[in-house]
Amino acid sequence: MAETAEPQTDDSKHAARAERRAAKLAKQIGTFARAHGGAEGHLAHLGEMGTRIVLVGEDGDWGDLVAPSYAVAESATQKAGITVHEDFDGEFAAKVRTGPYEWSRMAGIQVGGPSNDKA
């Protein structure tokens, strides 16, 4: 008599999907870290959208990824082996190098950067 595999429950399907997503994010984090001499991170809740993984490379470049949940984001950063900071301030925030894009698109209008007016 052959053994039959038990059908997957919704919970096990959800857990498997979360594990695959964490592994994919960990791979992306690792790629970023290798390209920038290492990386550190910070996890920020986005509400129902998920959790933002902010990455700061040793060279000052930064980027972010979005995980569907805090648990997936936490798992991904653990798998990638990066340091995760509780707060985005102090020495960690000082590592971020900003360029013209950041000034013109995010802060430029508020703090004296170039205007977006086309006039």
Protein backbone atom coordinates (compact mmCIF):
# COMPACT_ATOMS: atom_id res chain seq x y z
CA MET A 1 0.00 0.00 0.00
CA ALA A 2 1.53 3.30 -1.07
CA GLU A 3 1.57 6.26 1.27
CA THR A 4 -0.20 9.33 0.05
CA ALA A 5 0.97 12.84 0.76
CA GLU A 6 -1.30 14.89 2.95
CA PRO A 7 -2.89 17.78 1.10
CA GLN A 8 -1.44 21.17 1.95
CA THR A 9 -3.58 23.37 4.14
CA ASP A 10 -4.01 27.08 3.51
CA ASP A 11 -1.66 27.78 6.44
CA SER A 12 1.10 25.60 5.03
CA LYS A 13 0.66 27.14 1.57
CA HIS A 14 0.88 30.62 3.12
CA ALA A 15 3.99 29.64 5.10
CA ALA A 16 5.65 28.19 1.99
CA ARG A 17 4.86 31.33 -0.01
CA ALA A 18 6.27 33.55 2.78
CA GLU A 19 9.42 31.41 2.91
CA ARG A 20 9.94 31.72 -0.86
CA ARG A 21 9.41 35.50 -0.69
CA ALA A 22 11.90 35.82 2.19
CA ALA A 23 14.47 33.78 0.25
CA LYS A 24 14.03 35.97 -2.84
CA LEU A 25 14.37 39.16 -0.78
CA ALA A 26 17.46 37.74 0.98
CA LYS A 27 19.05 37.11 -2.41
CA GLN A 28 18.32 40.72 -3.47
CA ILE A 29 19.71 42.04 -0.18
CA GLY A 30 22.86 39.94 -0.66
CA THR A 31 23.29 41.27 -4.20
CA PHE A 32 23.00 44.84 -2.92
CA ALA A 33 25.46 44.17 -0.09
CA ARG A 34 28.06 42.64 -2.43
CA ALA A 35 27.75 45.58 -4.83
CA HIS A 36 28.23 48.16 -2.07
CA GLY A 37 30.90 46.65 0.18
CA GLY A 38 28.39 45.39 2.73
CA ALA A 39 25.06 46.66 3.96
CA GLU A 40 23.00 47.43 7.03
CA GLY A 41 19.25 47.79 7.21
CA HIS A 42 16.19 49.15 8.92
CA LEU A 43 12.65 47.75 8.83
CA ALA A 44 9.76 50.24 8.60
CA HIS A 45 6.08 49.29 8.79
CA LEU A 46 4.02 50.46 5.80
CA GLY A 47 0.68 49.42 7.22
CA GLU A 48 -1.32 46.98 5.11
CA MET A 49 1.19 47.31 2.26
CA GLY A 50 3.83 45.44 4.24
CA THR A 51 7.25 46.39 5.54
CA ARG A 52 9.94 48.48 3.88
CA ILE A 53 13.49 47.14 4.10
CA VAL A 54 15.81 50.14 3.86
CA LEU A 55 19.37 49.16 2.92
CA VAL A 56 22.45 51.34 3.34
CA GLY A 57 25.66 50.18 1.72
CA GLU A 58 29.11 50.73 3.22
CA ASP A 59 29.76 53.12 0.32
CA GLY A 60 26.77 55.28 1.31
CA ASP A 61 24.46 54.19 -1.51
CA TRP A 62 21.02 53.14 -0.38
CA GLY A 63 17.95 51.40 -1.65
CA ASP A 64 14.84 49.70 -0.43
CA LEU A 65 12.67 46.65 -0.91
CA VAL A 66 9.12 45.94 0.24
CA ALA A 67 8.16 42.71 1.99
CA PRO A 68 4.52 41.65 2.38
CA SER A 69 4.88 41.51 6.19
CA TYR A 70 7.24 42.34 9.02
CA ALA A 71 7.89 38.63 9.60
CA VAL A 72 8.96 38.11 5.98
CA ALA A 73 11.19 41.21 6.10
CA GLU A 74 12.79 40.05 9.35
CA SER A 75 13.36 36.56 7.94
CA ALA A 76 14.91 37.98 4.75
CA THR A 77 17.38 40.19 6.63
CA GLN A 78 18.34 37.30 8.91
CA LYS A 79 18.93 35.01 5.91
CA ALA A 80 21.03 37.74 4.26
CA GLY A 81 23.06 38.15 7.45
CA ILE A 82 22.92 41.94 7.65
CA THR A 83 22.75 44.12 10.75
CA VAL A 84 19.29 45.60 11.26
CA HIS A 85 18.95 48.83 13.25
CA GLU A 86 15.93 49.60 15.43
CA ASP A 87 16.01 53.29 14.48
CA PHE A 88 17.06 55.16 11.38
CA ASP A 89 19.09 57.81 13.12
CA GLY A 90 22.54 58.68 14.44
CA GLU A 91 25.58 57.03 12.88
CA PHE A 92 23.44 54.76 10.71
CA ALA A 93 21.55 57.62 9.07
CA ALA A 94 24.79 59.56 8.66
CA LYS A 95 26.11 56.80 6.38
CA VAL A 96 23.52 57.62 3.69
CA ARG A 97 24.91 59.54 0.74
CA THR A 98 22.32 61.58 -1.10
CA GLY A 99 22.64 62.90 -4.62
CA PRO A 100 20.83 65.21 -7.01
CA TYR A 101 17.96 62.78 -7.51
CA GLU A 102 17.10 62.69 -3.82
CA TRP A 103 17.32 66.47 -3.51
CA SER A 104 15.18 67.17 -6.56
CA ARG A 105 12.55 64.46 -6.04
CA MET A 106 12.19 64.10 -2.29
CA ALA A 107 13.51 67.09 -0.40
CA GLY A 108 14.32 69.67 -3.04
CA ILE A 109 11.03 71.50 -2.95
CA GLN A 110 11.01 71.83 0.85
CA VAL A 111 14.64 72.71 1.55
CA GLY A 112 15.80 74.94 -1.23
CA GLY A 113 16.48 72.38 -3.92
CA PRO A 114 15.53 72.90 -7.53
CA SER A 115 11.92 73.71 -8.22
CA ASN A 116 9.70 71.36 -10.17
CA ASP A 117 8.03 74.36 -11.87
CA LYS A 118 8.19 74.32 -15.64
CA ALA A 119 7.42 78.04 -15.95
